[in-house]
Amino acid sequence: YQGINCIPVSGLVGVMFNVVFHTFEWRSLKLMLLAALPLSMREKFFSDSRSRQKIRRADALVILVVTLVTLFTDLATAVAVGMVLACFM
C-alpha cells in the first residue's frame, strides 16, 4: 500500500488517541477504585447507591494484569495471561 507511506505517523497517532479516548469507558476506573476500597471507606466517601456498585476484586485484578501485560508485551500475550488468571479465580 503506497498510500499509507504518505500519511505521517504523528497523524495516525492522533487518530488512534482520539479513538481510544472516545471508546474507553471512563466509569470503569471508578468501579476499579470501588473494588479496591473496603466497604467502610466506600460508605464514607461515596453515596450509598454508588458505594454498592462495584465489580469483584478478582475481576479488577484480571483487568489490571491484562492492562499491564499489554503495556509491556503484546495484546495476544495479555489475553492469554488474562484467560489463564481468570480460570484460576
Protein backbone atom coordinates (compact mmCIF):
# COMPACT_ATOMS: atom_id res chain seq x y z
CA TYR A 1 0.00 0.00 0.00
CA GLN A 2 1.88 3.01 -1.27
CA GLY A 3 -0.71 5.49 0.03
CA ILE A 4 -0.12 4.53 3.65
CA ASN A 5 3.51 5.65 3.43
CA CYS A 6 2.34 9.21 2.60
CA ILE A 7 0.46 9.62 5.89
CA PRO A 8 2.64 10.98 8.72
CA VAL A 9 2.90 8.72 11.76
CA SER A 10 2.02 11.64 14.05
CA GLY A 11 -1.33 11.95 12.26
CA LEU A 12 -2.05 8.27 12.75
CA VAL A 13 -1.14 8.55 16.43
CA GLY A 14 -3.57 11.45 16.80
CA VAL A 15 -6.38 9.47 15.20
CA MET A 16 -5.60 6.42 17.35
CA PHE A 17 -5.53 8.51 20.54
CA ASN A 18 -8.86 10.08 19.65
CA VAL A 19 -10.46 6.69 19.01
CA VAL A 20 -9.16 5.32 22.32
CA PHE A 21 -10.27 8.42 24.22
CA HIS A 22 -13.82 8.23 22.90
CA THR A 23 -14.27 4.46 23.17
CA PHE A 24 -12.82 3.97 26.66
CA GLU A 25 -15.42 3.58 29.39
CA TRP A 26 -14.20 6.10 31.96
CA ARG A 27 -16.75 4.86 34.52
CA SER A 28 -14.77 1.65 34.77
CA LEU A 29 -11.96 3.50 36.59
CA LYS A 30 -14.40 4.38 39.37
CA LEU A 31 -15.57 0.77 39.54
CA MET A 32 -11.95 -0.37 39.85
CA LEU A 33 -11.43 2.12 42.70
CA LEU A 34 -14.58 0.94 44.45
CA ALA A 35 -13.42 -2.66 44.14
CA ALA A 36 -10.13 -1.80 45.81
CA LEU A 37 -11.64 0.10 48.75
CA PRO A 38 -13.03 -1.61 51.84
CA LEU A 39 -16.76 -1.22 52.49
CA SER A 40 -16.30 1.28 55.32
CA MET A 41 -14.35 3.69 53.10
CA ARG A 42 -16.82 3.27 50.22
CA GLU A 43 -19.71 4.18 52.51
CA LYS A 44 -17.79 7.14 53.94
CA PHE A 45 -16.71 8.75 50.64
CA PHE A 46 -19.46 7.72 48.22
CA SER A 47 -23.25 7.80 48.36
CA ASP A 48 -25.00 4.62 49.42
CA SER A 49 -26.26 3.66 45.96
CA ARG A 50 -22.89 4.32 44.32
CA SER A 51 -20.89 2.54 47.01
CA ARG A 52 -22.82 -0.66 46.28
CA GLN A 53 -21.88 -0.55 42.58
CA LYS A 54 -18.68 -2.49 42.21
CA ILE A 55 -17.08 -5.37 40.46
CA ARG A 56 -15.47 -8.34 42.14
CA ARG A 57 -11.91 -7.77 43.27
CA ALA A 58 -10.79 -10.81 41.30
CA ASP A 59 -12.21 -9.28 38.11
CA ALA A 60 -10.50 -5.97 38.86
CA LEU A 61 -7.22 -7.83 39.33
CA VAL A 62 -7.61 -9.58 35.98
CA ILE A 63 -8.32 -6.26 34.26
CA LEU A 64 -5.27 -4.67 35.87
CA VAL A 65 -2.97 -7.58 35.00
CA VAL A 66 -4.17 -7.67 31.37
CA THR A 67 -3.62 -3.91 31.06
CA LEU A 68 -0.09 -4.13 32.46
CA VAL A 69 0.86 -7.14 30.34
CA THR A 70 -0.48 -5.33 27.25
CA LEU A 71 1.72 -2.33 28.02
CA PHE A 72 4.87 -4.41 28.35
CA THR A 73 4.26 -7.13 25.73
CA ASP A 74 1.51 -7.52 23.13
CA LEU A 75 -2.25 -7.95 23.23
CA ALA A 76 -2.25 -11.67 22.37
CA THR A 77 0.01 -12.46 25.32
CA ALA A 78 -2.10 -10.27 27.61
CA VAL A 79 -5.31 -12.03 26.59
CA ALA A 80 -3.73 -15.43 27.19
CA VAL A 81 -2.46 -14.37 30.63
CA GLY A 82 -5.88 -12.91 31.47
CA MET A 83 -7.68 -16.09 30.46
CA VAL A 84 -5.36 -18.28 32.50
CA LEU A 85 -5.62 -15.97 35.52
CA ALA A 86 -9.42 -15.82 35.26
CA CYS A 87 -9.62 -19.62 35.12
CA PHE A 88 -7.89 -19.89 38.49
CA MET A 89 -10.07 -17.29 40.22
